[in-house]
Amino acid sequence: MNNSVKYKIRKARVLKNGKTAGYLLANRRKFVFLYDRDYIANGGASIAIGLPKARKVFSSRHLFPFFCGLLPEGESKANICKKLRLDSKNKFAMLQELAQNETIGDITVRGDE
């Protein structure tokens, strides 16, 4: 009997000024961010102080604070989630839906096709 548990991996492309900077991955156990090789090779800047540009895998049991900062809070969050029928506890889904176009700054997040 195989005791391994398979988790669906969710993927998102993280763009800085419209260029792919890296990828955000998530399953039920952790979040992972890694920079795109071409982005690093072409001199792209770090997307956040907590995610310095490096050829390494950043891993966390929770969504990285930088990405949480792209999400609405409080009453605004409740209204948007209700209107778009989003689970307010699913930060990854919220990020993919809400950070595609209307973010403050130069970072957008898109579902990876």
C-alpha atoms as a PDB file:
ATOM      1  CA  MET A   1       0.000   0.000   0.000  1.00  0.00           C
ATOM      2  CA  ASN A   2       1.298   3.440  -0.919  1.00  0.00           C
ATOM      3  CA  ASN A   3       1.148   5.810   2.079  1.00  0.00           C
ATOM      4  CA  SER A   4       2.140   8.898   0.116  1.00  0.00           C
ATOM      5  CA  VAL A   5      -0.469  11.620  -0.002  1.00  0.00           C
ATOM      6  CA  LYS A   6      -0.851  13.575  -3.211  1.00  0.00           C
ATOM      7  CA  TYR A   7      -1.726  17.245  -3.033  1.00  0.00           C
ATOM      8  CA  LYS A   8      -2.880  19.329  -5.929  1.00  0.00           C
ATOM      9  CA  ILE A   9      -0.254  21.940  -6.741  1.00  0.00           C
ATOM     10  CA  ARG A  10      -1.580  25.385  -7.562  1.00  0.00           C
ATOM     11  CA  LYS A  11       0.613  27.640  -9.687  1.00  0.00           C
ATOM     12  CA  ALA A  12       0.781  31.348 -10.379  1.00  0.00           C
ATOM     13  CA  ARG A  13       3.111  33.465 -12.445  1.00  0.00           C
ATOM     14  CA  VAL A  14       4.461  36.569 -10.715  1.00  0.00           C
ATOM     15  CA  LEU A  15       5.152  39.517 -12.988  1.00  0.00           C
ATOM     16  CA  LYS A  16       7.163  42.671 -12.304  1.00  0.00           C
ATOM     17  CA  ASN A  17       6.443  45.474 -14.754  1.00  0.00           C
ATOM     18  CA  GLY A  18       4.745  42.924 -17.026  1.00  0.00           C
ATOM     19  CA  LYS A  19       7.739  40.559 -17.190  1.00  0.00           C
ATOM     20  CA  THR A  20       7.732  37.126 -15.600  1.00  0.00           C
ATOM     21  CA  ALA A  21       9.821  37.451 -12.442  1.00  0.00           C
ATOM     22  CA  GLY A  22       9.035  34.097 -10.875  1.00  0.00           C
ATOM     23  CA  TYR A  23       6.493  31.505  -9.845  1.00  0.00           C
ATOM     24  CA  LEU A  24       4.392  30.995  -6.757  1.00  0.00           C
ATOM     25  CA  LEU A  25       3.362  27.416  -6.016  1.00  0.00           C
ATOM     26  CA  ALA A  26       1.145  26.072  -3.281  1.00  0.00           C
ATOM     27  CA  ASN A  27      -0.283  22.850  -2.005  1.00  0.00           C
ATOM     28  CA  ARG A  28      -2.072  22.043   1.233  1.00  0.00           C
ATOM     29  CA  ARG A  29       1.198  21.977   3.171  1.00  0.00           C
ATOM     30  CA  LYS A  30       3.339  24.867   1.946  1.00  0.00           C
ATOM     31  CA  PHE A  31       3.964  27.804  -0.366  1.00  0.00           C
ATOM     32  CA  VAL A  32       7.013  28.062  -2.605  1.00  0.00           C
ATOM     33  CA  PHE A  33       8.393  30.997  -4.581  1.00  0.00           C
ATOM     34  CA  LEU A  34      11.224  30.809  -7.101  1.00  0.00           C
ATOM     35  CA  TYR A  35      12.606  33.334  -9.521  1.00  0.00           C
ATOM     36  CA  ASP A  36      12.533  32.703 -13.252  1.00  0.00           C
ATOM     37  CA  ARG A  37      16.002  31.857 -14.622  1.00  0.00           C
ATOM     38  CA  ASP A  38      15.739  34.305 -17.522  1.00  0.00           C
ATOM     39  CA  TYR A  39      14.607  37.056 -15.161  1.00  0.00           C
ATOM     40  CA  ILE A  40      17.708  36.567 -13.018  1.00  0.00           C
ATOM     41  CA  ALA A  41      20.000  36.271 -16.054  1.00  0.00           C
ATOM     42  CA  ASN A  42      18.646  39.509 -17.533  1.00  0.00           C
ATOM     43  CA  GLY A  43      19.259  41.526 -14.368  1.00  0.00           C
ATOM     44  CA  GLY A  44      15.710  41.783 -13.036  1.00  0.00           C
ATOM     45  CA  ALA A  45      15.302  43.309  -9.579  1.00  0.00           C
ATOM     46  CA  SER A  46      14.056  41.502  -6.470  1.00  0.00           C
ATOM     47  CA  ILE A  47      10.303  41.654  -6.050  1.00  0.00           C
ATOM     48  CA  ALA A  48      10.533  42.143  -2.274  1.00  0.00           C
ATOM     49  CA  ILE A  49      13.073  42.533   0.527  1.00  0.00           C
ATOM     50  CA  GLY A  50      11.869  39.259   2.032  1.00  0.00           C
ATOM     51  CA  LEU A  51      12.331  37.513  -1.334  1.00  0.00           C
ATOM     52  CA  PRO A  52      15.803  38.635  -2.473  1.00  0.00           C
ATOM     53  CA  LYS A  53      16.723  37.769  -6.044  1.00  0.00           C
ATOM     54  CA  ALA A  54      18.525  34.426  -5.867  1.00  0.00           C
ATOM     55  CA  ARG A  55      18.667  31.053  -7.531  1.00  0.00           C
ATOM     56  CA  LYS A  56      16.991  29.311  -4.635  1.00  0.00           C
ATOM     57  CA  VAL A  57      13.614  28.056  -3.566  1.00  0.00           C
ATOM     58  CA  PHE A  58      11.828  30.110  -0.916  1.00  0.00           C
ATOM     59  CA  SER A  59       9.475  27.974   1.148  1.00  0.00           C
ATOM     60  CA  SER A  60       6.917  28.775   3.843  1.00  0.00           C
ATOM     61  CA  ARG A  61       4.018  27.102   5.626  1.00  0.00           C
ATOM     62  CA  HIS A  62       2.050  30.349   5.118  1.00  0.00           C
ATOM     63  CA  LEU A  63       1.603  32.695   2.188  1.00  0.00           C
ATOM     64  CA  PHE A  64       4.611  35.027   2.135  1.00  0.00           C
ATOM     65  CA  PRO A  65       3.882  38.391   3.800  1.00  0.00           C
ATOM     66  CA  PHE A  66       4.717  40.267   0.594  1.00  0.00           C
ATOM     67  CA  PHE A  67       1.888  38.510  -1.266  1.00  0.00           C
ATOM     68  CA  CYS A  68      -0.511  38.947   1.663  1.00  0.00           C
ATOM     69  CA  GLY A  69       0.157  42.664   1.342  1.00  0.00           C
ATOM     70  CA  LEU A  70      -1.339  42.605  -2.159  1.00  0.00           C
ATOM     71  CA  LEU A  71      -4.699  41.444  -0.778  1.00  0.00           C
ATOM     72  CA  PRO A  72      -7.513  43.633   0.540  1.00  0.00           C
ATOM     73  CA  GLU A  73      -8.376  43.571   4.232  1.00  0.00           C
ATOM     74  CA  GLY A  74     -11.379  44.060   6.477  1.00  0.00           C
ATOM     75  CA  GLU A  75     -14.693  45.160   5.054  1.00  0.00           C
ATOM     76  CA  SER A  76     -13.221  45.636   1.583  1.00  0.00           C
ATOM     77  CA  LYS A  77     -12.042  42.013   1.573  1.00  0.00           C
ATOM     78  CA  ALA A  78     -15.438  40.775   2.765  1.00  0.00           C
ATOM     79  CA  ASN A  79     -17.298  42.755   0.093  1.00  0.00           C
ATOM     80  CA  ILE A  80     -15.015  41.657  -2.736  1.00  0.00           C
ATOM     81  CA  CYS A  81     -15.087  37.994  -1.678  1.00  0.00           C
ATOM     82  CA  LYS A  82     -18.873  38.066  -1.470  1.00  0.00           C
ATOM     83  CA  LYS A  83     -19.231  39.768  -4.853  1.00  0.00           C
ATOM     84  CA  LEU A  84     -16.784  37.412  -6.606  1.00  0.00           C
ATOM     85  CA  ARG A  85     -17.821  34.340  -4.577  1.00  0.00           C
ATOM     86  CA  LEU A  86     -14.308  33.761  -3.274  1.00  0.00           C
ATOM     87  CA  ASP A  87     -13.408  31.894  -0.110  1.00  0.00           C
ATOM     88  CA  SER A  88     -11.877  34.570   2.116  1.00  0.00           C
ATOM     89  CA  LYS A  89      -9.672  31.927   3.760  1.00  0.00           C
ATOM     90  CA  ASN A  90      -8.134  30.796   0.464  1.00  0.00           C
ATOM     91  CA  LYS A  91      -5.457  33.469   0.073  1.00  0.00           C
ATOM     92  CA  PHE A  92      -3.902  31.815  -2.964  1.00  0.00           C
ATOM     93  CA  ALA A  93      -7.185  31.889  -4.908  1.00  0.00           C
ATOM     94  CA  MET A  94      -7.807  35.464  -3.786  1.00  0.00           C
ATOM     95  CA  LEU A  95      -4.325  36.446  -4.926  1.00  0.00           C
ATOM     96  CA  GLN A  96      -4.820  34.899  -8.360  1.00  0.00           C
ATOM     97  CA  GLU A  97      -8.197  36.568  -8.794  1.00  0.00           C
ATOM     98  CA  LEU A  98      -7.486  39.985  -7.301  1.00  0.00           C
ATOM     99  CA  ALA A  99      -3.812  40.656  -8.108  1.00  0.00           C
ATOM    100  CA  GLN A 100      -4.066  40.217 -11.872  1.00  0.00           C
ATOM    101  CA  ASN A 101      -4.497  43.875 -12.733  1.00  0.00           C
ATOM    102  CA  GLU A 102      -5.303  46.200  -9.879  1.00  0.00           C
ATOM    103  CA  THR A 103      -2.314  46.114  -7.574  1.00  0.00           C
ATOM    104  CA  ILE A 104      -0.474  49.008  -6.032  1.00  0.00           C
ATOM    105  CA  GLY A 105       3.021  48.918  -7.436  1.00  0.00           C
ATOM    106  CA  ASP A 106       4.596  46.941 -10.228  1.00  0.00           C
ATOM    107  CA  ILE A 107       3.735  43.350  -9.211  1.00  0.00           C
ATOM    108  CA  THR A 108       0.868  41.347 -10.648  1.00  0.00           C
ATOM    109  CA  VAL A 109      -0.001  37.687 -10.141  1.00  0.00           C
ATOM    110  CA  ARG A 110      -1.639  35.521 -12.809  1.00  0.00           C
ATOM    111  CA  GLY A 111      -2.782  31.949 -12.815  1.00  0.00           C
ATOM    112  CA  ASP A 112      -0.168  29.904 -14.629  1.00  0.00           C
ATOM    113  CA  GLU A 113      -1.633  28.637 -17.883  1.00  0.00           C
END
